[in-house]
Amino acid sequence: MPVPAKPQPTAKPVAELRAILGPGGNRVAVGKEDPKRQSKLQKPRKPAAAEVPASAVRSSASVDSTASSDSNSNSSSASSVKKMAKCRRTVKSVVGATVARPVSPGAEDGGVSGPLKRCDWITANSDPLYTSFHDEEWGVPVHDDRKLFELLVFSQALAELSWPMILQLREVFRKFFANFDPSCVAHFDEKKMLCVKVNGKPLLSEPKLRAVIENAKQTIKIQEEFGSFSNYIWSFVNHKPIRNGFRYARQVPIKTPKAEVISKNMMQRGFCSVGPTVIYSFMQVSGMVNDHLLSCFRYRECIADAKRDFKPKTEETEVKNEGSGSPRRLKAKLF
């Protein structure tokens, strides 16, 4: 009789392992493991700052795309590292360096660079002769008697002509007035005076022409008494140019108390058409007063010209006067 077989215990079913795709694209085995460990495995790993190549940081070059192509967090981390490296380089370059301050044009050597700043009455539309006259002559101290007599005649002519017109007729003036030699002009007769015409018109009005001839005669007397017209006229300002230092053209006067004193003394000596306004114009153009505006480049140049050129002449004049004993007599007559 057959013996019945003993029933075999059934095996417990084994859990089947399945493979899934994690967030980072890696295959993860899911089984009976610790949930915390699974979460750590599934969490993407952030790249450390040390993983960025040192050469890329030093050269400020962009990090290789392979180092930051997995996620947006990688690119932001690399960019922050680059910014930090750039800041370090900037700090290193600034430490110990001297910061250069901006210097105004021409401030180092006292010169002027760029467009020249002139007095306000000289504009872009001014006559080139007038501009050159301002840049080269106006305000420069003059000590030559012929030149001083010429400027005195021009200052008288300003009542009828403007500076640009006078400068255009300058050679005509010099031709008719014998290069402004007072000894020649003083001998002009009525016929010679009436011949002073331009294009059939008188160069100046008859009263002005007569004043020029009379002033030439008085200039000769001044030369005989004081040695030169320059000694006489410059003695009113103590042989030193007056510096006003105005900022605006409206501040420049047309006459001053000093001009009134000179005008009064000259009229007492027989000069004609030498009112305070004429005399102050003469003082400006002959350099007895520096009326260039402070902003004008010629202001300091005229000061330098006066210091360089005038001191030796002043010393010679003083020595000459001391030998003749005339300083006291000059002071008494002028003031």
C-alpha atoms as a PDB file:
ATOM      1  CA  MET A   1       0.000   0.000   0.000  1.00  0.00           C
ATOM      2  CA  PRO A   2       1.622   3.210  -0.976  1.00  0.00           C
ATOM      3  CA  VAL A   3       2.595   5.684   1.739  1.00  0.00           C
ATOM      4  CA  PRO A   4       1.234   9.084   1.133  1.00  0.00           C
ATOM      5  CA  ALA A   5       3.944  11.699   0.629  1.00  0.00           C
ATOM      6  CA  LYS A   6       4.430  14.322   3.253  1.00  0.00           C
ATOM      7  CA  PRO A   7       3.235  17.680   2.180  1.00  0.00           C
ATOM      8  CA  GLN A   8       6.159  20.010   1.398  1.00  0.00           C
ATOM      9  CA  PRO A   9       5.996  23.448   2.981  1.00  0.00           C
ATOM     10  CA  THR A  10       5.373  26.104   0.391  1.00  0.00           C
ATOM     11  CA  ALA A  11       8.223  28.648  -0.063  1.00  0.00           C
ATOM     12  CA  LYS A  12       7.522  32.208   0.792  1.00  0.00           C
ATOM     13  CA  PRO A  13       7.339  34.428  -2.243  1.00  0.00           C
ATOM     14  CA  VAL A  14      10.432  36.543  -2.740  1.00  0.00           C
ATOM     15  CA  ALA A  15       9.842  40.260  -3.434  1.00  0.00           C
ATOM     16  CA  GLU A  16      10.686  41.018  -7.002  1.00  0.00           C
ATOM     17  CA  LEU A  17      13.336  43.736  -7.550  1.00  0.00           C
ATOM     18  CA  ARG A  18      12.327  46.335 -10.069  1.00  0.00           C
ATOM     19  CA  ALA A  19      14.442  49.093 -11.578  1.00  0.00           C
ATOM     20  CA  ILE A  20      13.207  52.682 -11.917  1.00  0.00           C
ATOM     21  CA  LEU A  21      14.730  55.979 -13.111  1.00  0.00           C
ATOM     22  CA  GLY A  22      15.571  58.414 -10.384  1.00  0.00           C
ATOM     23  CA  PRO A  23      15.477  62.220 -10.718  1.00  0.00           C
ATOM     24  CA  GLY A  24      19.152  62.368 -11.558  1.00  0.00           C
ATOM     25  CA  GLY A  25      18.893  59.731 -14.311  1.00  0.00           C
ATOM     26  CA  ASN A  26      20.679  57.001 -12.280  1.00  0.00           C
ATOM     27  CA  ARG A  27      19.221  53.488 -11.881  1.00  0.00           C
ATOM     28  CA  VAL A  28      18.273  52.888  -8.271  1.00  0.00           C
ATOM     29  CA  ALA A  29      17.358  49.470  -6.794  1.00  0.00           C
ATOM     30  CA  VAL A  30      14.202  49.716  -4.755  1.00  0.00           C
ATOM     31  CA  GLY A  31      13.850  47.170  -2.006  1.00  0.00           C
ATOM     32  CA  LYS A  32      13.433  46.941   1.676  1.00  0.00           C
ATOM     33  CA  GLU A  33      15.958  49.610   2.548  1.00  0.00           C
ATOM     34  CA  ASP A  34      15.994  52.562   4.865  1.00  0.00           C
ATOM     35  CA  PRO A  35      13.742  55.342   3.542  1.00  0.00           C
ATOM     36  CA  LYS A  36      16.263  57.995   4.689  1.00  0.00           C
ATOM     37  CA  ARG A  37      18.960  56.315   2.655  1.00  0.00           C
ATOM     38  CA  GLN A  38      16.675  56.205  -0.353  1.00  0.00           C
ATOM     39  CA  SER A  39      15.977  59.921  -0.048  1.00  0.00           C
ATOM     40  CA  LYS A  40      19.718  60.590   0.147  1.00  0.00           C
ATOM     41  CA  LEU A  41      20.297  58.545  -2.956  1.00  0.00           C
ATOM     42  CA  GLN A  42      17.522  60.321  -4.827  1.00  0.00           C
ATOM     43  CA  LYS A  43      18.638  63.837  -3.812  1.00  0.00           C
ATOM     44  CA  PRO A  44      20.907  65.402  -6.491  1.00  0.00           C
ATOM     45  CA  ARG A  45      24.392  66.280  -5.421  1.00  0.00           C
ATOM     46  CA  LYS A  46      25.528  69.879  -5.663  1.00  0.00           C
ATOM     47  CA  PRO A  47      29.004  70.443  -7.046  1.00  0.00           C
ATOM     48  CA  ALA A  48      31.450  72.003  -4.606  1.00  0.00           C
ATOM     49  CA  ALA A  49      33.284  75.209  -5.346  1.00  0.00           C
ATOM     50  CA  ALA A  50      36.554  73.319  -5.166  1.00  0.00           C
ATOM     51  CA  GLU A  51      35.549  71.282  -8.197  1.00  0.00           C
ATOM     52  CA  VAL A  52      35.941  74.336 -10.459  1.00  0.00           C
ATOM     53  CA  PRO A  53      39.290  74.170 -12.255  1.00  0.00           C
ATOM     54  CA  ALA A  54      41.820  76.526 -10.679  1.00  0.00           C
ATOM     55  CA  SER A  55      43.145  77.562 -14.094  1.00  0.00           C
ATOM     56  CA  ALA A  56      39.696  78.759 -15.104  1.00  0.00           C
ATOM     57  CA  VAL A  57      39.454  80.930 -11.990  1.00  0.00           C
ATOM     58  CA  ARG A  58      42.921  82.460 -12.429  1.00  0.00           C
ATOM     59  CA  SER A  59      42.432  83.351 -16.068  1.00  0.00           C
ATOM     60  CA  SER A  60      38.901  84.658 -15.494  1.00  0.00           C
ATOM     61  CA  ALA A  61      37.803  82.301 -18.279  1.00  0.00           C
ATOM     62  CA  SER A  62      34.400  80.643 -18.369  1.00  0.00           C
ATOM     63  CA  VAL A  63      34.168  77.208 -16.760  1.00  0.00           C
ATOM     64  CA  ASP A  64      33.964  74.243 -19.095  1.00  0.00           C
ATOM     65  CA  SER A  65      30.426  73.452 -20.065  1.00  0.00           C
ATOM     66  CA  THR A  66      30.876  69.862 -18.967  1.00  0.00           C
ATOM     67  CA  ALA A  67      31.357  70.977 -15.392  1.00  0.00           C
ATOM     68  CA  SER A  68      27.955  72.701 -15.226  1.00  0.00           C
ATOM     69  CA  SER A  69      25.633  71.054 -17.685  1.00  0.00           C
ATOM     70  CA  ASP A  70      23.645  68.877 -15.310  1.00  0.00           C
ATOM     71  CA  SER A  71      21.470  71.508 -13.609  1.00  0.00           C
ATOM     72  CA  ASN A  72      20.860  75.240 -13.166  1.00  0.00           C
ATOM     73  CA  SER A  73      22.435  75.134  -9.703  1.00  0.00           C
ATOM     74  CA  ASN A  74      25.785  74.193 -11.222  1.00  0.00           C
ATOM     75  CA  SER A  75      25.876  77.263 -13.503  1.00  0.00           C
ATOM     76  CA  SER A  76      24.925  79.661 -10.711  1.00  0.00           C
ATOM     77  CA  SER A  77      27.637  78.220  -8.479  1.00  0.00           C
ATOM     78  CA  ALA A  78      30.293  78.579 -11.152  1.00  0.00           C
ATOM     79  CA  SER A  79      29.299  82.198 -11.886  1.00  0.00           C
ATOM     80  CA  SER A  80      29.508  83.083  -8.192  1.00  0.00           C
ATOM     81  CA  VAL A  81      33.006  81.598  -8.040  1.00  0.00           C
ATOM     82  CA  LYS A  82      34.068  83.676 -11.036  1.00  0.00           C
ATOM     83  CA  LYS A  83      32.727  86.872  -9.456  1.00  0.00           C
ATOM     84  CA  MET A  84      34.606  86.161  -6.252  1.00  0.00           C
ATOM     85  CA  ALA A  85      37.831  85.552  -8.175  1.00  0.00           C
ATOM     86  CA  LYS A  86      37.356  88.781 -10.130  1.00  0.00           C
ATOM     87  CA  CYS A  87      36.807  90.750  -6.931  1.00  0.00           C
ATOM     88  CA  ARG A  88      39.993  89.285  -5.446  1.00  0.00           C
ATOM     89  CA  ARG A  89      42.018  90.381  -8.468  1.00  0.00           C
ATOM     90  CA  THR A  90      40.528  93.882  -8.330  1.00  0.00           C
ATOM     91  CA  VAL A  91      41.350  94.241  -4.658  1.00  0.00           C
ATOM     92  CA  LYS A  92      44.931  93.053  -5.216  1.00  0.00           C
ATOM     93  CA  SER A  93      45.455  95.560  -8.016  1.00  0.00           C
ATOM     94  CA  VAL A  94      44.088  98.471  -5.985  1.00  0.00           C
ATOM     95  CA  VAL A  95      45.973  97.764  -2.772  1.00  0.00           C
ATOM     96  CA  GLY A  96      49.117  99.880  -2.653  1.00  0.00           C
ATOM     97  CA  ALA A  97      48.297 101.731  -5.871  1.00  0.00           C
ATOM     98  CA  THR A  98      48.156 105.528  -6.102  1.00  0.00           C
ATOM     99  CA  VAL A  99      44.888 106.906  -7.427  1.00  0.00           C
ATOM    100  CA  ALA A 100      45.558 109.545 -10.102  1.00  0.00           C
ATOM    101  CA  ARG A 101      43.550 112.739  -9.705  1.00  0.00           C
ATOM    102  CA  PRO A 102      42.297 114.542 -12.788  1.00  0.00           C
ATOM    103  CA  VAL A 103      44.451 117.539 -13.642  1.00  0.00           C
ATOM    104  CA  SER A 104      43.060 120.570 -15.406  1.00  0.00           C
ATOM    105  CA  PRO A 105      44.524 121.243 -18.860  1.00  0.00           C
ATOM    106  CA  GLY A 106      47.837 123.043 -18.643  1.00  0.00           C
ATOM    107  CA  ALA A 107      47.822 123.112 -14.816  1.00  0.00           C
ATOM    108  CA  GLU A 108      51.136 121.266 -14.449  1.00  0.00           C
ATOM    109  CA  ASP A 109      53.284 123.686 -16.418  1.00  0.00           C
ATOM    110  CA  GLY A 110      51.123 126.771 -16.224  1.00  0.00           C
ATOM    111  CA  GLY A 111      50.341 126.577 -19.924  1.00  0.00           C
ATOM    112  CA  VAL A 112      47.013 126.396 -21.653  1.00  0.00           C
ATOM    113  CA  SER A 113      45.725 123.501 -23.658  1.00  0.00           C
ATOM    114  CA  GLY A 114      42.581 123.105 -25.690  1.00  0.00           C
ATOM    115  CA  PRO A 115      40.533 126.130 -26.857  1.00  0.00           C
ATOM    116  CA  LEU A 116      41.867 129.353 -25.375  1.00  0.00           C
ATOM    117  CA  LYS A 117      39.609 131.298 -23.056  1.00  0.00           C
ATOM    118  CA  ARG A 118      39.695 134.993 -23.904  1.00  0.00           C
ATOM    119  CA  CYS A 119      37.989 138.070 -22.574  1.00  0.00           C
ATOM    120  CA  ASP A 120      34.241 138.121 -23.105  1.00  0.00           C
ATOM    121  CA  TRP A 121      34.365 140.878 -25.716  1.00  0.00           C
ATOM    122  CA  ILE A 122      36.373 138.611 -28.021  1.00  0.00           C
ATOM    123  CA  THR A 123      33.957 136.147 -29.651  1.00  0.00           C
ATOM    124  CA  ALA A 124      34.095 133.586 -32.428  1.00  0.00           C
ATOM    125  CA  ASN A 125      32.794 136.251 -34.830  1.00  0.00           C
ATOM    126  CA  SER A 126      35.396 138.874 -33.889  1.00  0.00           C
ATOM    127  CA  ASP A 127      37.689 140.266 -36.551  1.00  0.00           C
ATOM    128  CA  PRO A 128      40.923 138.210 -36.730  1.00  0.00           C
ATOM    129  CA  LEU A 129      42.953 141.425 -36.468  1.00  0.00           C
ATOM    130  CA  TYR A 130      41.100 142.335 -33.296  1.00  0.00           C
ATOM    131  CA  THR A 131      41.654 138.855 -31.849  1.00  0.00           C
ATOM    132  CA  SER A 132      45.374 138.995 -32.635  1.00  0.00           C
ATOM    133  CA  PHE A 133      45.564 142.476 -31.141  1.00  0.00           C
ATOM    134  CA  HIS A 134      43.988 141.159 -27.942  1.00  0.00           C
ATOM    135  CA  ASP A 135      46.308 138.135 -27.819  1.00  0.00           C
ATOM    136  CA  GLU A 136      49.559 139.960 -28.587  1.00  0.00           C
ATOM    137  CA  GLU A 137      49.351 143.666 -27.720  1.00  0.00           C
ATOM    138  CA  TRP A 138      46.415 144.722 -25.563  1.00  0.00           C
ATOM    139  CA  GLY A 139      47.568 144.981 -21.956  1.00  0.00           C
ATOM    140  CA  VAL A 140      51.282 144.483 -22.688  1.00  0.00           C
ATOM    141  CA  PRO A 141      53.423 147.178 -20.980  1.00  0.00           C
ATOM    142  CA  VAL A 142      54.800 149.628 -23.563  1.00  0.00           C
ATOM    143  CA  HIS A 143      57.760 151.949 -22.936  1.00  0.00           C
ATOM    144  CA  ASP A 144      58.733 153.123 -26.419  1.00  0.00           C
ATOM    145  CA  ASP A 145      57.764 156.750 -26.973  1.00  0.00           C
ATOM    146  CA  ARG A 146      56.674 156.288 -30.585  1.00  0.00           C
ATOM    147  CA  LYS A 147      54.536 153.315 -29.651  1.00  0.00           C
ATOM    148  CA  LEU A 148      52.996 155.196 -26.734  1.00  0.00           C
ATOM    149  CA  PHE A 149      52.197 158.163 -28.985  1.00  0.00           C
ATOM    150  CA  GLU A 150      50.595 155.806 -31.511  1.00  0.00           C
ATOM    151  CA  LEU A 151      48.405 154.211 -28.839  1.00  0.00           C
ATOM    152  CA  LEU A 152      47.421 157.642 -27.544  1.00  0.00           C
ATOM    153  CA  VAL A 153      46.259 158.637 -31.052  1.00  0.00           C
ATOM    154  CA  PHE A 154      44.308 155.374 -31.378  1.00  0.00           C
ATOM    155  CA  SER A 155      42.662 155.941 -27.994  1.00  0.00           C
ATOM    156  CA  GLN A 156      41.558 159.384 -29.178  1.00  0.00           C
ATOM    157  CA  ALA A 157      40.250 157.874 -32.430  1.00  0.00           C
ATOM    158  CA  LEU A 158      37.976 155.480 -30.497  1.00  0.00           C
ATOM    159  CA  ALA A 159      35.474 158.331 -30.233  1.00  0.00           C
ATOM    160  CA  GLU A 160      34.918 158.024 -33.995  1.00  0.00           C
ATOM    161  CA  LEU A 161      36.138 154.533 -34.943  1.00  0.00           C
ATOM    162  CA  SER A 162      36.039 151.062 -33.407  1.00  0.00           C
ATOM    163  CA  TRP A 163      39.119 148.986 -32.617  1.00  0.00           C
ATOM    164  CA  PRO A 164      38.590 146.608 -35.577  1.00  0.00           C
ATOM    165  CA  MET A 165      38.324 149.589 -37.953  1.00  0.00           C
ATOM    166  CA  ILE A 166      41.383 151.277 -36.444  1.00  0.00           C
ATOM    167  CA  LEU A 167      43.410 148.080 -36.804  1.00  0.00           C
ATOM    168  CA  GLN A 168      42.370 147.755 -40.453  1.00  0.00           C
ATOM    169  CA  LEU A 169      43.559 151.334 -41.069  1.00  0.00           C
ATOM    170  CA  ARG A 170      46.665 150.970 -38.944  1.00  0.00           C
ATOM    171  CA  GLU A 171      49.130 151.095 -41.821  1.00  0.00           C
ATOM    172  CA  VAL A 172      47.319 154.114 -43.223  1.00  0.00           C
ATOM    173  CA  PHE A 173      47.679 155.893 -39.877  1.00  0.00           C
ATOM    174  CA  ARG A 174      51.371 155.055 -39.750  1.00  0.00           C
ATOM    175  CA  LYS A 175      51.932 156.304 -43.294  1.00  0.00           C
ATOM    176  CA  PHE A 176      50.157 159.636 -42.816  1.00  0.00           C
ATOM    177  CA  PHE A 177      51.620 160.313 -39.355  1.00  0.00           C
ATOM    178  CA  ALA A 178      55.249 159.482 -40.287  1.00  0.00           C
ATOM    179  CA  ASN A 179      55.276 156.271 -38.268  1.00  0.00           C
ATOM    180  CA  PHE A 180      54.059 158.317 -35.270  1.00  0.00           C
ATOM    181  CA  ASP A 181      57.255 160.272 -34.865  1.00  0.00           C
ATOM    182  CA  PRO A 182      56.222 163.223 -32.653  1.00  0.00           C
ATOM    183  CA  SER A 183      58.978 165.456 -34.024  1.00  0.00           C
ATOM    184  CA  CYS A 184      57.586 165.045 -37.562  1.00  0.00           C
ATOM    185  CA  VAL A 185      53.892 165.284 -36.683  1.00  0.00           C
ATOM    186  CA  ALA A 186      54.529 168.447 -34.669  1.00  0.00           C
ATOM    187  CA  HIS A 187      55.553 170.269 -37.891  1.00  0.00           C
ATOM    188  CA  PHE A 188      52.394 169.420 -39.845  1.00  0.00           C
ATOM    189  CA  ASP A 189      50.855 172.530 -41.365  1.00  0.00           C
ATOM    190  CA  GLU A 190      47.246 173.147 -42.347  1.00  0.00           C
ATOM    191  CA  LYS A 191      47.739 171.757 -45.854  1.00  0.00           C
ATOM    192  CA  LYS A 192      49.402 168.595 -44.609  1.00  0.00           C
ATOM    193  CA  MET A 193      46.687 168.081 -42.043  1.00  0.00           C
ATOM    194  CA  LEU A 194      43.898 168.335 -44.623  1.00  0.00           C
ATOM    195  CA  CYS A 195      45.621 165.778 -46.874  1.00  0.00           C
ATOM    196  CA  VAL A 196      45.082 163.008 -44.319  1.00  0.00           C
ATOM    197  CA  LYS A 197      42.235 161.283 -46.186  1.00  0.00           C
ATOM    198  CA  VAL A 198      41.151 157.751 -47.121  1.00  0.00           C
ATOM    199  CA  ASN A 199      39.083 157.257 -50.277  1.00  0.00           C
ATOM    200  CA  GLY A 200      38.389 160.972 -50.386  1.00  0.00           C
ATOM    201  CA  LYS A 201      37.233 161.105 -46.763  1.00  0.00           C
ATOM    202  CA  PRO A 202      39.218 162.487 -43.810  1.00  0.00           C
ATOM    203  CA  LEU A 203      40.849 159.793 -41.710  1.00  0.00           C
ATOM    204  CA  LEU A 204      39.627 161.632 -38.613  1.00  0.00           C
ATOM    205  CA  SER A 205      37.575 164.707 -37.995  1.00  0.00           C
ATOM    206  CA  GLU A 206      39.366 168.052 -38.137  1.00  0.00           C
ATOM    207  CA  PRO A 207      39.299 168.607 -34.332  1.00  0.00           C
ATOM    208  CA  LYS A 208      40.882 165.169 -33.805  1.00  0.00           C
ATOM    209  CA  LEU A 209      43.572 165.841 -36.392  1.00  0.00           C
ATOM    210  CA  ARG A 210      44.404 169.177 -34.791  1.00  0.00           C
ATOM    211  CA  ALA A 211      44.548 167.414 -31.398  1.00  0.00           C
ATOM    212  CA  VAL A 212      47.048 164.873 -32.766  1.00  0.00           C
ATOM    213  CA  ILE A 213      49.339 167.660 -33.999  1.00  0.00           C
ATOM    214  CA  GLU A 214      49.083 169.607 -30.751  1.00  0.00           C
ATOM    215  CA  ASN A 215      49.714 166.489 -28.659  1.00  0.00           C
ATOM    216  CA  ALA A 216      52.826 165.762 -30.708  1.00  0.00           C
ATOM    217  CA  LYS A 217      54.165 169.220 -29.764  1.00  0.00           C
ATOM    218  CA  GLN A 218      53.426 168.616 -26.069  1.00  0.00           C
ATOM    219  CA  THR A 219      55.046 165.169 -26.228  1.00  0.00           C
ATOM    220  CA  ILE A 220      58.299 166.773 -27.367  1.00  0.00           C
ATOM    221  CA  LYS A 221      58.171 169.118 -24.359  1.00  0.00           C
ATOM    222  CA  ILE A 222      57.584 166.134 -22.054  1.00  0.00           C
ATOM    223  CA  GLN A 223      60.614 164.365 -23.536  1.00  0.00           C
ATOM    224  CA  GLU A 224      62.796 167.397 -22.894  1.00  0.00           C
ATOM    225  CA  GLU A 225      61.617 167.681 -19.293  1.00  0.00           C
ATOM    226  CA  PHE A 226      61.457 164.038 -18.176  1.00  0.00           C
ATOM    227  CA  GLY A 227      63.849 162.383 -20.602  1.00  0.00           C
ATOM    228  CA  SER A 228      61.067 160.418 -22.292  1.00  0.00           C
ATOM    229  CA  PHE A 229      57.302 160.339 -22.520  1.00  0.00           C
ATOM    230  CA  SER A 230      57.447 156.860 -20.964  1.00  0.00           C
ATOM    231  CA  ASN A 231      59.085 158.210 -17.783  1.00  0.00           C
ATOM    232  CA  TYR A 232      56.369 160.807 -17.474  1.00  0.00           C
ATOM    233  CA  ILE A 233      53.319 158.633 -18.080  1.00  0.00           C
ATOM    234  CA  TRP A 234      54.487 155.589 -16.095  1.00  0.00           C
ATOM    235  CA  SER A 235      55.346 157.693 -13.059  1.00  0.00           C
ATOM    236  CA  PHE A 236      51.611 158.060 -12.349  1.00  0.00           C
ATOM    237  CA  VAL A 237      51.411 154.320 -11.538  1.00  0.00           C
ATOM    238  CA  ASN A 238      54.799 154.161  -9.785  1.00  0.00           C
ATOM    239  CA  HIS A 239      56.247 152.346 -12.821  1.00  0.00           C
ATOM    240  CA  LYS A 240      54.190 149.241 -12.032  1.00  0.00           C
ATOM    241  CA  PRO A 241      51.146 148.021 -13.979  1.00  0.00           C
ATOM    242  CA  ILE A 242      47.874 148.023 -12.060  1.00  0.00           C
ATOM    243  CA  ARG A 243      46.196 144.602 -11.784  1.00  0.00           C
ATOM    244  CA  ASN A 244      42.441 144.702 -11.387  1.00  0.00           C
ATOM    245  CA  GLY A 245      41.439 141.040 -11.730  1.00  0.00           C
ATOM    246  CA  PHE A 246      37.841 141.404 -12.880  1.00  0.00           C
ATOM    247  CA  ARG A 247      35.709 138.306 -13.419  1.00  0.00           C
ATOM    248  CA  TYR A 248      33.064 139.792 -15.713  1.00  0.00           C
ATOM    249  CA  ALA A 249      33.203 142.285 -18.558  1.00  0.00           C
ATOM    250  CA  ARG A 250      30.536 144.437 -16.927  1.00  0.00           C
ATOM    251  CA  GLN A 251      32.957 145.125 -14.066  1.00  0.00           C
ATOM    252  CA  VAL A 252      35.580 146.769 -16.289  1.00  0.00           C
ATOM    253  CA  PRO A 253      35.237 150.558 -15.878  1.00  0.00           C
ATOM    254  CA  ILE A 254      35.463 153.178 -18.593  1.00  0.00           C
ATOM    255  CA  LYS A 255      37.402 155.557 -16.340  1.00  0.00           C
ATOM    256  CA  THR A 256      38.980 155.584 -12.896  1.00  0.00           C
ATOM    257  CA  PRO A 257      40.191 158.199 -10.403  1.00  0.00           C
ATOM    258  CA  LYS A 258      43.755 157.527 -11.558  1.00  0.00           C
ATOM    259  CA  ALA A 259      42.742 158.236 -15.153  1.00  0.00           C
ATOM    260  CA  GLU A 260      41.142 161.484 -14.025  1.00  0.00           C
ATOM    261  CA  VAL A 261      44.389 162.544 -12.328  1.00  0.00           C
ATOM    262  CA  ILE A 262      46.432 161.823 -15.450  1.00  0.00           C
ATOM    263  CA  SER A 263      43.871 163.534 -17.676  1.00  0.00           C
ATOM    264  CA  LYS A 264      43.885 166.653 -15.541  1.00  0.00           C
ATOM    265  CA  ASN A 265      47.677 166.859 -15.519  1.00  0.00           C
ATOM    266  CA  MET A 266      47.956 166.366 -19.283  1.00  0.00           C
ATOM    267  CA  MET A 267      45.321 169.010 -20.034  1.00  0.00           C
ATOM    268  CA  GLN A 268      47.177 171.452 -17.787  1.00  0.00           C
ATOM    269  CA  ARG A 269      50.256 170.812 -19.936  1.00  0.00           C
ATOM    270  CA  GLY A 270      48.360 171.616 -23.149  1.00  0.00           C
ATOM    271  CA  PHE A 271      47.267 168.163 -24.395  1.00  0.00           C
ATOM    272  CA  CYS A 272      43.953 168.034 -26.249  1.00  0.00           C
ATOM    273  CA  SER A 273      41.206 165.365 -26.392  1.00  0.00           C
ATOM    274  CA  VAL A 274      42.598 163.556 -23.355  1.00  0.00           C
ATOM    275  CA  GLY A 275      39.534 163.121 -21.183  1.00  0.00           C
ATOM    276  CA  PRO A 276      39.412 160.431 -18.456  1.00  0.00           C
ATOM    277  CA  THR A 277      37.736 157.919 -20.802  1.00  0.00           C
ATOM    278  CA  VAL A 278      40.410 158.406 -23.477  1.00  0.00           C
ATOM    279  CA  ILE A 279      43.189 158.166 -20.916  1.00  0.00           C
ATOM    280  CA  TYR A 280      41.806 154.973 -19.373  1.00  0.00           C
ATOM    281  CA  SER A 281      41.594 153.354 -22.820  1.00  0.00           C
ATOM    282  CA  PHE A 282      45.205 154.421 -23.317  1.00  0.00           C
ATOM    283  CA  MET A 283      46.171 152.908 -19.949  1.00  0.00           C
ATOM    284  CA  GLN A 284      44.528 149.605 -20.897  1.00  0.00           C
ATOM    285  CA  VAL A 285      46.139 149.261 -24.301  1.00  0.00           C
ATOM    286  CA  SER A 286      49.592 150.418 -23.150  1.00  0.00           C
ATOM    287  CA  GLY A 287      49.676 147.958 -20.253  1.00  0.00           C
ATOM    288  CA  MET A 288      49.562 150.544 -17.473  1.00  0.00           C
ATOM    289  CA  VAL A 289      46.572 148.598 -16.227  1.00  0.00           C
ATOM    290  CA  ASN A 290      45.885 144.901 -16.756  1.00  0.00           C
ATOM    291  CA  ASP A 291      42.157 144.657 -17.455  1.00  0.00           C
ATOM    292  CA  HIS A 292      42.136 141.174 -18.936  1.00  0.00           C
ATOM    293  CA  LEU A 293      39.525 139.090 -17.169  1.00  0.00           C
ATOM    294  CA  LEU A 294      40.714 136.490 -14.680  1.00  0.00           C
ATOM    295  CA  SER A 295      39.409 133.740 -16.947  1.00  0.00           C
ATOM    296  CA  CYS A 296      41.402 135.061 -19.928  1.00  0.00           C
ATOM    297  CA  PHE A 297      44.675 133.285 -20.690  1.00  0.00           C
ATOM    298  CA  ARG A 298      46.353 136.657 -21.289  1.00  0.00           C
ATOM    299  CA  TYR A 299      45.832 137.849 -17.724  1.00  0.00           C
ATOM    300  CA  ARG A 300      48.751 135.887 -16.256  1.00  0.00           C
ATOM    301  CA  GLU A 301      50.849 136.212 -19.401  1.00  0.00           C
ATOM    302  CA  CYS A 302      50.742 140.017 -19.152  1.00  0.00           C
ATOM    303  CA  ILE A 303      51.753 139.773 -15.502  1.00  0.00           C
ATOM    304  CA  ALA A 304      54.714 137.594 -16.473  1.00  0.00           C
ATOM    305  CA  ASP A 305      55.676 140.003 -19.275  1.00  0.00           C
ATOM    306  CA  ALA A 306      55.619 142.925 -16.865  1.00  0.00           C
ATOM    307  CA  LYS A 307      57.835 141.131 -14.325  1.00  0.00           C
ATOM    308  CA  ARG A 308      60.326 139.974 -16.960  1.00  0.00           C
ATOM    309  CA  ASP A 309      60.614 143.043 -19.154  1.00  0.00           C
ATOM    310  CA  PHE A 310      59.919 146.034 -16.982  1.00  0.00           C
ATOM    311  CA  LYS A 311      62.130 145.716 -13.880  1.00  0.00           C
ATOM    312  CA  PRO A 312      65.479 146.421 -15.609  1.00  0.00           C
ATOM    313  CA  LYS A 313      64.025 149.509 -17.283  1.00  0.00           C
ATOM    314  CA  THR A 314      62.686 150.766 -13.963  1.00  0.00           C
ATOM    315  CA  GLU A 315      66.126 150.435 -12.353  1.00  0.00           C
ATOM    316  CA  GLU A 316      67.791 152.318 -15.217  1.00  0.00           C
ATOM    317  CA  THR A 317      65.222 155.090 -14.916  1.00  0.00           C
ATOM    318  CA  GLU A 318      65.745 155.430 -11.170  1.00  0.00           C
ATOM    319  CA  VAL A 319      69.526 155.604 -11.532  1.00  0.00           C
ATOM    320  CA  LYS A 320      69.236 158.215 -14.253  1.00  0.00           C
ATOM    321  CA  ASN A 321      66.849 160.320 -12.223  1.00  0.00           C
ATOM    322  CA  GLU A 322      69.031 160.061  -9.117  1.00  0.00           C
ATOM    323  CA  GLY A 323      71.985 161.403 -11.064  1.00  0.00           C
ATOM    324  CA  SER A 324      70.021 164.392 -12.296  1.00  0.00           C
ATOM    325  CA  GLY A 325      68.245 164.990  -8.996  1.00  0.00           C
ATOM    326  CA  SER A 326      64.849 165.003 -10.721  1.00  0.00           C
ATOM    327  CA  PRO A 327      62.723 162.539  -8.640  1.00  0.00           C
ATOM    328  CA  ARG A 328      61.646 165.162  -6.116  1.00  0.00           C
ATOM    329  CA  ARG A 329      60.923 167.699  -8.826  1.00  0.00           C
ATOM    330  CA  LEU A 330      58.917 165.059 -10.787  1.00  0.00           C
ATOM    331  CA  LYS A 331      56.819 164.157  -7.754  1.00  0.00           C
ATOM    332  CA  ALA A 332      56.085 167.764  -6.990  1.00  0.00           C
ATOM    333  CA  LYS A 333      54.987 168.522 -10.548  1.00  0.00           C
ATOM    334  CA  LEU A 334      52.843 165.426 -11.057  1.00  0.00           C
ATOM    335  CA  PHE A 335      51.087 165.285  -7.729  1.00  0.00           C
END
